[in-house]
Amino acid sequence: LKMKRDGLIMEFFELLPKVKDLRSQLSELYSDA
């Protein structure tokens, strides 16, 4: 379970910058639209 938890945390932080970038793009596209 500890290995699973650590693996999930790594997956989460790997995904986090991608989602932040999507949020930023979404905000820009919304303003433009």
All heavy atoms as atom14 arrays in JSON, in Angstrom:
{
  "sequence": "LKMKRDGLIMEFFELLPKVKDLRSQLSELYSDA",
  "atom14_mask": [
    [1, 1, 1, 1, 1, 1, 1, 1, 0, 0, 0, 0, 0, 0],
    [1, 1, 1, 1, 1, 1, 1, 1, 1, 0, 0, 0, 0, 0],
    [1, 1, 1, 1, 1, 1, 1, 1, 0, 0, 0, 0, 0, 0],
    [1, 1, 1, 1, 1, 1, 1, 1, 1, 0, 0, 0, 0, 0],
    [1, 1, 1, 1, 1, 1, 1, 1, 1, 1, 1, 0, 0, 0],
    [1, 1, 1, 1, 1, 1, 1, 1, 0, 0, 0, 0, 0, 0],
    [1, 1, 1, 1, 0, 0, 0, 0, 0, 0, 0, 0, 0, 0],
    [1, 1, 1, 1, 1, 1, 1, 1, 0, 0, 0, 0, 0, 0],
    [1, 1, 1, 1, 1, 1, 1, 1, 0, 0, 0, 0, 0, 0],
    [1, 1, 1, 1, 1, 1, 1, 1, 0, 0, 0, 0, 0, 0],
    [1, 1, 1, 1, 1, 1, 1, 1, 1, 0, 0, 0, 0, 0],
    [1, 1, 1, 1, 1, 1, 1, 1, 1, 1, 1, 0, 0, 0],
    [1, 1, 1, 1, 1, 1, 1, 1, 1, 1, 1, 0, 0, 0],
    [1, 1, 1, 1, 1, 1, 1, 1, 1, 0, 0, 0, 0, 0],
    [1, 1, 1, 1, 1, 1, 1, 1, 0, 0, 0, 0, 0, 0],
    [1, 1, 1, 1, 1, 1, 1, 1, 0, 0, 0, 0, 0, 0],
    [1, 1, 1, 1, 1, 1, 1, 0, 0, 0, 0, 0, 0, 0],
    [1, 1, 1, 1, 1, 1, 1, 1, 1, 0, 0, 0, 0, 0],
    [1, 1, 1, 1, 1, 1, 1, 0, 0, 0, 0, 0, 0, 0],
    [1, 1, 1, 1, 1, 1, 1, 1, 1, 0, 0, 0, 0, 0],
    [1, 1, 1, 1, 1, 1, 1, 1, 0, 0, 0, 0, 0, 0],
    [1, 1, 1, 1, 1, 1, 1, 1, 0, 0, 0, 0, 0, 0],
    [1, 1, 1, 1, 1, 1, 1, 1, 1, 1, 1, 0, 0, 0],
    [1, 1, 1, 1, 1, 1, 0, 0, 0, 0, 0, 0, 0, 0],
    [1, 1, 1, 1, 1, 1, 1, 1, 1, 0, 0, 0, 0, 0],
    [1, 1, 1, 1, 1, 1, 1, 1, 0, 0, 0, 0, 0, 0],
    [1, 1, 1, 1, 1, 1, 0, 0, 0, 0, 0, 0, 0, 0],
    [1, 1, 1, 1, 1, 1, 1, 1, 1, 0, 0, 0, 0, 0],
    [1, 1, 1, 1, 1, 1, 1, 1, 0, 0, 0, 0, 0, 0],
    [1, 1, 1, 1, 1, 1, 1, 1, 1, 1, 1, 1, 0, 0],
    [1, 1, 1, 1, 1, 1, 0, 0, 0, 0, 0, 0, 0, 0],
    [1, 1, 1, 1, 1, 1, 1, 1, 0, 0, 0, 0, 0, 0],
    [1, 1, 1, 1, 1, 0, 0, 0, 0, 0, 0, 0, 0, 0]
  ],
  "atom14_positions": [
    [[0.83, -1.21, 0.0], [0.0, 0.0, 0.0], [0.87, 1.26, 0.0], [0.51, 2.26, -0.65], [-0.92, 0.01, 1.22], [-2.14, -0.92, 1.15], [-2.86, -0.95, 2.49], [-3.11, -0.46, 0.06], [0.0, 0.0, 0.0], [0.0, 0.0, 0.0], [0.0, 0.0, 0.0], [0.0, 0.0, 0.0], [0.0, 0.0, 0.0], [0.0, 0.0, 0.0]],
    [[1.98, 1.21, 0.7], [2.89, 2.35, 0.73], [3.49, 2.59, -0.66], [3.61, 3.74, -1.1], [4.0, 2.11, 1.75], [4.78, 3.36, 2.11], [5.76, 3.08, 3.24], [6.53, 4.34, 3.59], [7.53, 4.09, 4.67], [0.0, 0.0, 0.0], [0.0, 0.0, 0.0], [0.0, 0.0, 0.0], [0.0, 0.0, 0.0], [0.0, 0.0, 0.0]],
    [[3.85, 1.51, -1.34], [4.36, 1.62, -2.71], [3.29, 2.19, -3.64], [3.57, 3.03, -4.49], [4.82, 0.25, -3.21], [6.11, -0.24, -2.58], [6.51, -1.95, -3.05], [6.66, -1.8, -4.82], [0.0, 0.0, 0.0], [0.0, 0.0, 0.0], [0.0, 0.0, 0.0], [0.0, 0.0, 0.0], [0.0, 0.0, 0.0], [0.0, 0.0, 0.0]],
    [[2.05, 1.72, -3.46], [0.94, 2.23, -4.27], [0.72, 3.71, -4.02], [0.55, 4.49, -4.96], [-0.34, 1.45, -3.97], [-1.54, 1.93, -4.78], [-2.81, 1.18, -4.41], [-3.99, 1.72, -5.2], [-5.25, 1.02, -4.86], [0.0, 0.0, 0.0], [0.0, 0.0, 0.0], [0.0, 0.0, 0.0], [0.0, 0.0, 0.0], [0.0, 0.0, 0.0]],
    [[0.72, 4.1, -2.75], [0.53, 5.51, -2.39], [1.61, 6.39, -3.02], [1.31, 7.43, -3.63], [0.56, 5.67, -0.88], [0.35, 7.1, -0.38], [0.85, 7.26, 1.04], [2.3, 7.03, 1.12], [2.97, 6.95, 2.26], [2.33, 7.04, 3.41], [4.28, 6.73, 2.25], [0.0, 0.0, 0.0], [0.0, 0.0, 0.0], [0.0, 0.0, 0.0]],
    [[2.87, 5.96, -2.91], [3.98, 6.73, -3.47], [3.88, 6.81, -4.99], [4.16, 7.85, -5.59], [5.31, 6.11, -3.06], [5.55, 6.2, -1.56], [4.86, 6.99, -0.9], [6.43, 5.46, -1.05], [0.0, 0.0, 0.0], [0.0, 0.0, 0.0], [0.0, 0.0, 0.0], [0.0, 0.0, 0.0], [0.0, 0.0, 0.0], [0.0, 0.0, 0.0]],
    [[3.46, 5.7, -5.61], [3.3, 5.69, -7.07], [2.19, 6.62, -7.52], [2.33, 7.33, -8.53], [0.0, 0.0, 0.0], [0.0, 0.0, 0.0], [0.0, 0.0, 0.0], [0.0, 0.0, 0.0], [0.0, 0.0, 0.0], [0.0, 0.0, 0.0], [0.0, 0.0, 0.0], [0.0, 0.0, 0.0], [0.0, 0.0, 0.0], [0.0, 0.0, 0.0]],
    [[1.09, 6.63, -6.78], [-0.04, 7.51, -7.11], [0.35, 8.98, -6.96], [-0.05, 9.83, -7.76], [-1.24, 7.19, -6.22], [-1.99, 5.89, -6.52], [-2.99, 5.59, -5.41], [-2.72, 5.98, -7.86], [0.0, 0.0, 0.0], [0.0, 0.0, 0.0], [0.0, 0.0, 0.0], [0.0, 0.0, 0.0], [0.0, 0.0, 0.0], [0.0, 0.0, 0.0]],
    [[1.13, 9.27, -5.92], [1.59, 10.65, -5.71], [2.47, 11.1, -6.88], [2.36, 12.23, -7.36], [2.34, 10.77, -4.37], [1.35, 10.62, -3.21], [3.07, 12.11, -4.26], [2.01, 10.54, -1.84], [0.0, 0.0, 0.0], [0.0, 0.0, 0.0], [0.0, 0.0, 0.0], [0.0, 0.0, 0.0], [0.0, 0.0, 0.0], [0.0, 0.0, 0.0]],
    [[3.34, 10.2, -7.34], [4.19, 10.52, -8.49], [3.35, 10.78, -9.74], [3.59, 11.73, -10.49], [5.18, 9.38, -8.75], [6.28, 9.26, -7.72], [7.4, 7.85, -8.04], [8.07, 8.32, -9.63], [0.0, 0.0, 0.0], [0.0, 0.0, 0.0], [0.0, 0.0, 0.0], [0.0, 0.0, 0.0], [0.0, 0.0, 0.0], [0.0, 0.0, 0.0]],
    [[2.33, 9.94, -9.96], [1.44, 10.12, -11.11], [0.69, 11.46, -10.99], [0.51, 12.16, -11.99], [0.42, 8.98, -11.17], [1.0, 7.62, -11.54], [1.35, 7.51, -13.01], [0.93, 8.39, -13.79], [2.04, 6.55, -13.39], [0.0, 0.0, 0.0], [0.0, 0.0, 0.0], [0.0, 0.0, 0.0], [0.0, 0.0, 0.0], [0.0, 0.0, 0.0]],
    [[0.26, 11.79, -9.76], [-0.48, 13.03, -9.54], [0.37, 14.25, -9.89], [-0.08, 15.16, -10.6], [-0.94, 13.1, -8.08], [-1.68, 14.36, -7.73], [-3.04, 14.47, -7.98], [-1.02, 15.43, -7.15], [-3.73, 15.63, -7.66], [-1.69, 16.59, -6.83], [-3.06, 16.69, -7.08], [0.0, 0.0, 0.0], [0.0, 0.0, 0.0], [0.0, 0.0, 0.0]],
    [[1.62, 14.27, -9.38], [2.47, 15.43, -9.62], [3.0, 15.48, -11.06], [3.39, 16.55, -11.54], [3.62, 15.45, -8.62], [3.22, 15.97, -7.27], [3.07, 15.11, -6.19], [2.96, 17.31, -7.08], [2.67, 15.58, -4.95], [2.57, 17.8, -5.85], [2.42, 16.93, -4.78], [0.0, 0.0, 0.0], [0.0, 0.0, 0.0], [0.0, 0.0, 0.0]],
    [[3.0, 14.34, -11.72], [3.35, 14.33, -13.14], [2.22, 14.94, -13.97], [2.45, 15.63, -14.97], [3.62, 12.9, -13.61], [4.09, 12.81, -15.05], [4.4, 11.39, -15.48], [4.69, 10.55, -14.62], [4.36, 11.13, -16.7], [0.0, 0.0, 0.0], [0.0, 0.0, 0.0], [0.0, 0.0, 0.0], [0.0, 0.0, 0.0], [0.0, 0.0, 0.0]],
    [[0.98, 14.7, -13.54], [-0.19, 15.21, -14.25], [-0.46, 16.68, -13.93], [-1.01, 17.41, -14.77], [-1.41, 14.37, -13.89], [-2.75, 14.71, -14.56], [-2.67, 14.51, -16.06], [-3.87, 13.86, -13.97], [0.0, 0.0, 0.0], [0.0, 0.0, 0.0], [0.0, 0.0, 0.0], [0.0, 0.0, 0.0], [0.0, 0.0, 0.0], [0.0, 0.0, 0.0]],
    [[-0.09, 17.12, -12.73], [-0.43, 18.46, -12.25], [-0.02, 19.59, -13.19], [-0.86, 20.45, -13.52], [0.18, 18.68, -10.86], [-0.16, 19.99, -10.16], [-1.66, 20.15, -9.98], [0.56, 20.09, -8.82], [0.0, 0.0, 0.0], [0.0, 0.0, 0.0], [0.0, 0.0, 0.0], [0.0, 0.0, 0.0], [0.0, 0.0, 0.0], [0.0, 0.0, 0.0]],
    [[1.22, 19.65, -13.67], [1.58, 20.76, -14.58], [0.81, 20.73, -15.9], [0.51, 21.79, -16.47], [3.09, 20.55, -14.83], [3.36, 19.14, -14.44], [2.39, 18.8, -13.38], [0.0, 0.0, 0.0], [0.0, 0.0, 0.0], [0.0, 0.0, 0.0], [0.0, 0.0, 0.0], [0.0, 0.0, 0.0], [0.0, 0.0, 0.0], [0.0, 0.0, 0.0]],
    [[0.47, 19.52, -16.37], [-0.31, 19.42, -17.61], [-1.71, 20.01, -17.42], [-2.22, 20.71, -18.28], [-0.41, 17.95, -18.04], [0.92, 17.31, -18.36], [0.76, 15.83, -18.7], [2.11, 15.16, -18.93], [1.97, 13.7, -19.19], [0.0, 0.0, 0.0], [0.0, 0.0, 0.0], [0.0, 0.0, 0.0], [0.0, 0.0, 0.0], [0.0, 0.0, 0.0]],
    [[-2.32, 19.7, -16.27], [-3.66, 20.21, -15.98], [-3.61, 21.73, -15.77], [-4.52, 22.45, -16.2], [-4.26, 19.5, -14.75], [-5.59, 20.14, -14.35], [-4.47, 18.03, -15.05], [0.0, 0.0, 0.0], [0.0, 0.0, 0.0], [0.0, 0.0, 0.0], [0.0, 0.0, 0.0], [0.0, 0.0, 0.0], [0.0, 0.0, 0.0], [0.0, 0.0, 0.0]],
    [[-2.56, 22.21, -15.11], [-2.41, 23.66, -14.93], [-2.3, 24.36, -16.27], [-2.87, 25.44, -16.48], [-1.16, 23.95, -14.08], [-1.35, 23.71, -12.6], [-0.1, 24.13, -11.83], [-0.3, 23.99, -10.33], [0.93, 24.4, -9.58], [0.0, 0.0, 0.0], [0.0, 0.0, 0.0], [0.0, 0.0, 0.0], [0.0, 0.0, 0.0], [0.0, 0.0, 0.0]],
    [[-1.57, 23.74, -17.19], [-1.42, 24.31, -18.54], [-2.76, 24.32, -19.27], [-3.1, 25.28, -19.95], [-0.39, 23.5, -19.34], [-0.14, 24.09, -20.71], [0.21, 25.28, -20.79], [-0.3, 23.36, -21.71], [0.0, 0.0, 0.0], [0.0, 0.0, 0.0], [0.0, 0.0, 0.0], [0.0, 0.0, 0.0], [0.0, 0.0, 0.0], [0.0, 0.0, 0.0]],
    [[-3.54, 23.24, -19.1], [-4.87, 23.18, -19.72], [-5.78, 24.26, -19.15], [-6.55, 24.89, -19.89], [-5.5, 21.8, -19.5], [-4.91, 20.63, -20.3], [-5.52, 19.31, -19.85], [-5.16, 20.83, -21.79], [0.0, 0.0, 0.0], [0.0, 0.0, 0.0], [0.0, 0.0, 0.0], [0.0, 0.0, 0.0], [0.0, 0.0, 0.0], [0.0, 0.0, 0.0]],
    [[-5.7, 24.48, -17.84], [-6.5, 25.53, -17.2], [-6.14, 26.9, -17.77], [-7.02, 27.72, -18.04], [-6.25, 25.53, -15.69], [-6.9, 24.39, -14.93], [-6.53, 24.49, -13.45], [-7.04, 23.38, -12.67], [-6.72, 23.17, -11.4], [-5.87, 24.0, -10.78], [-7.24, 22.15, -10.74], [0.0, 0.0, 0.0], [0.0, 0.0, 0.0], [0.0, 0.0, 0.0]],
    [[-4.82, 27.13, -17.93], [-4.35, 28.41, -18.46], [-4.84, 28.61, -19.9], [-5.34, 29.69, -20.25], [-2.82, 28.46, -18.41], [-2.33, 29.65, -18.97], [0.0, 0.0, 0.0], [0.0, 0.0, 0.0], [0.0, 0.0, 0.0], [0.0, 0.0, 0.0], [0.0, 0.0, 0.0], [0.0, 0.0, 0.0], [0.0, 0.0, 0.0], [0.0, 0.0, 0.0]],
    [[-4.71, 27.56, -20.7], [-5.19, 27.64, -22.09], [-6.69, 27.85, -22.14], [-7.2, 28.61, -22.96], [-4.83, 26.36, -22.84], [-3.34, 26.17, -23.11], [-3.07, 24.92, -23.92], [-3.61, 24.77, -25.02], [-2.26, 24.02, -23.39], [0.0, 0.0, 0.0], [0.0, 0.0, 0.0], [0.0, 0.0, 0.0], [0.0, 0.0, 0.0], [0.0, 0.0, 0.0]],
    [[-7.41, 27.18, -21.25], [-8.87, 27.3, -21.2], [-9.27, 28.73, -20.88], [-10.2, 29.27, -21.49], [-9.43, 26.33, -20.16], [-10.96, 26.31, -19.99], [-11.64, 25.89, -21.28], [-11.34, 25.36, -18.85], [0.0, 0.0, 0.0], [0.0, 0.0, 0.0], [0.0, 0.0, 0.0], [0.0, 0.0, 0.0], [0.0, 0.0, 0.0], [0.0, 0.0, 0.0]],
    [[-8.58, 29.33, -19.92], [-8.88, 30.71, -19.54], [-8.64, 31.67, -20.71], [-9.46, 32.56, -20.98], [-8.01, 31.11, -18.34], [-8.27, 32.45, -17.97], [0.0, 0.0, 0.0], [0.0, 0.0, 0.0], [0.0, 0.0, 0.0], [0.0, 0.0, 0.0], [0.0, 0.0, 0.0], [0.0, 0.0, 0.0], [0.0, 0.0, 0.0], [0.0, 0.0, 0.0]],
    [[-7.53, 31.46, -21.4], [-7.2, 32.33, -22.55], [-8.21, 32.15, -23.68], [-8.67, 33.13, -24.28], [-5.79, 32.0, -23.05], [-4.68, 32.41, -22.09], [-3.31, 31.99, -22.59], [-3.22, 31.48, -23.73], [-2.33, 32.15, -21.84], [0.0, 0.0, 0.0], [0.0, 0.0, 0.0], [0.0, 0.0, 0.0], [0.0, 0.0, 0.0], [0.0, 0.0, 0.0]],
    [[-8.56, 30.88, -23.98], [-9.51, 30.62, -25.05], [-10.91, 31.16, -24.71], [-11.63, 31.64, -25.6], [-9.6, 29.12, -25.33], [-8.38, 28.49, -26.01], [-8.52, 26.98, -26.07], [-8.21, 29.05, -27.43], [0.0, 0.0, 0.0], [0.0, 0.0, 0.0], [0.0, 0.0, 0.0], [0.0, 0.0, 0.0], [0.0, 0.0, 0.0], [0.0, 0.0, 0.0]],
    [[-11.26, 31.09, -23.44], [-12.56, 31.62, -23.01], [-12.62, 33.14, -23.2], [-13.6, 33.67, -23.74], [-12.82, 31.27, -21.54], [-14.09, 31.87, -20.99], [-15.33, 31.31, -21.28], [-14.04, 33.02, -20.19], [-16.5, 31.86, -20.79], [-15.21, 33.57, -19.68], [-16.43, 33.0, -19.98], [-17.59, 33.55, -19.51], [0.0, 0.0, 0.0], [0.0, 0.0, 0.0]],
    [[-11.56, 33.81, -22.77], [-11.5, 35.27, -22.93], [-11.55, 35.66, -24.4], [-12.27, 36.59, -24.8], [-10.23, 35.83, -22.29], [-10.21, 35.56, -20.9], [0.0, 0.0, 0.0], [0.0, 0.0, 0.0], [0.0, 0.0, 0.0], [0.0, 0.0, 0.0], [0.0, 0.0, 0.0], [0.0, 0.0, 0.0], [0.0, 0.0, 0.0], [0.0, 0.0, 0.0]],
    [[-10.79, 34.93, -25.23], [-10.76, 35.21, -26.67], [-12.12, 34.96, -27.32], [-12.59, 35.77, -28.13], [-9.7, 34.33, -27.35], [-9.56, 34.62, -28.82], [-9.25, 35.77, -29.19], [-9.79, 33.7, -29.63], [0.0, 0.0, 0.0], [0.0, 0.0, 0.0], [0.0, 0.0, 0.0], [0.0, 0.0, 0.0], [0.0, 0.0, 0.0], [0.0, 0.0, 0.0]],
    [[-12.77, 33.86, -26.95], [-14.08, 33.52, -27.52], [-15.14, 34.55, -27.13], [-15.94, 34.98, -27.97], [-14.51, 32.13, -27.06], [0.0, 0.0, 0.0], [0.0, 0.0, 0.0], [0.0, 0.0, 0.0], [0.0, 0.0, 0.0], [0.0, 0.0, 0.0], [0.0, 0.0, 0.0], [0.0, 0.0, 0.0], [0.0, 0.0, 0.0], [0.0, 0.0, 0.0]]
  ]
}
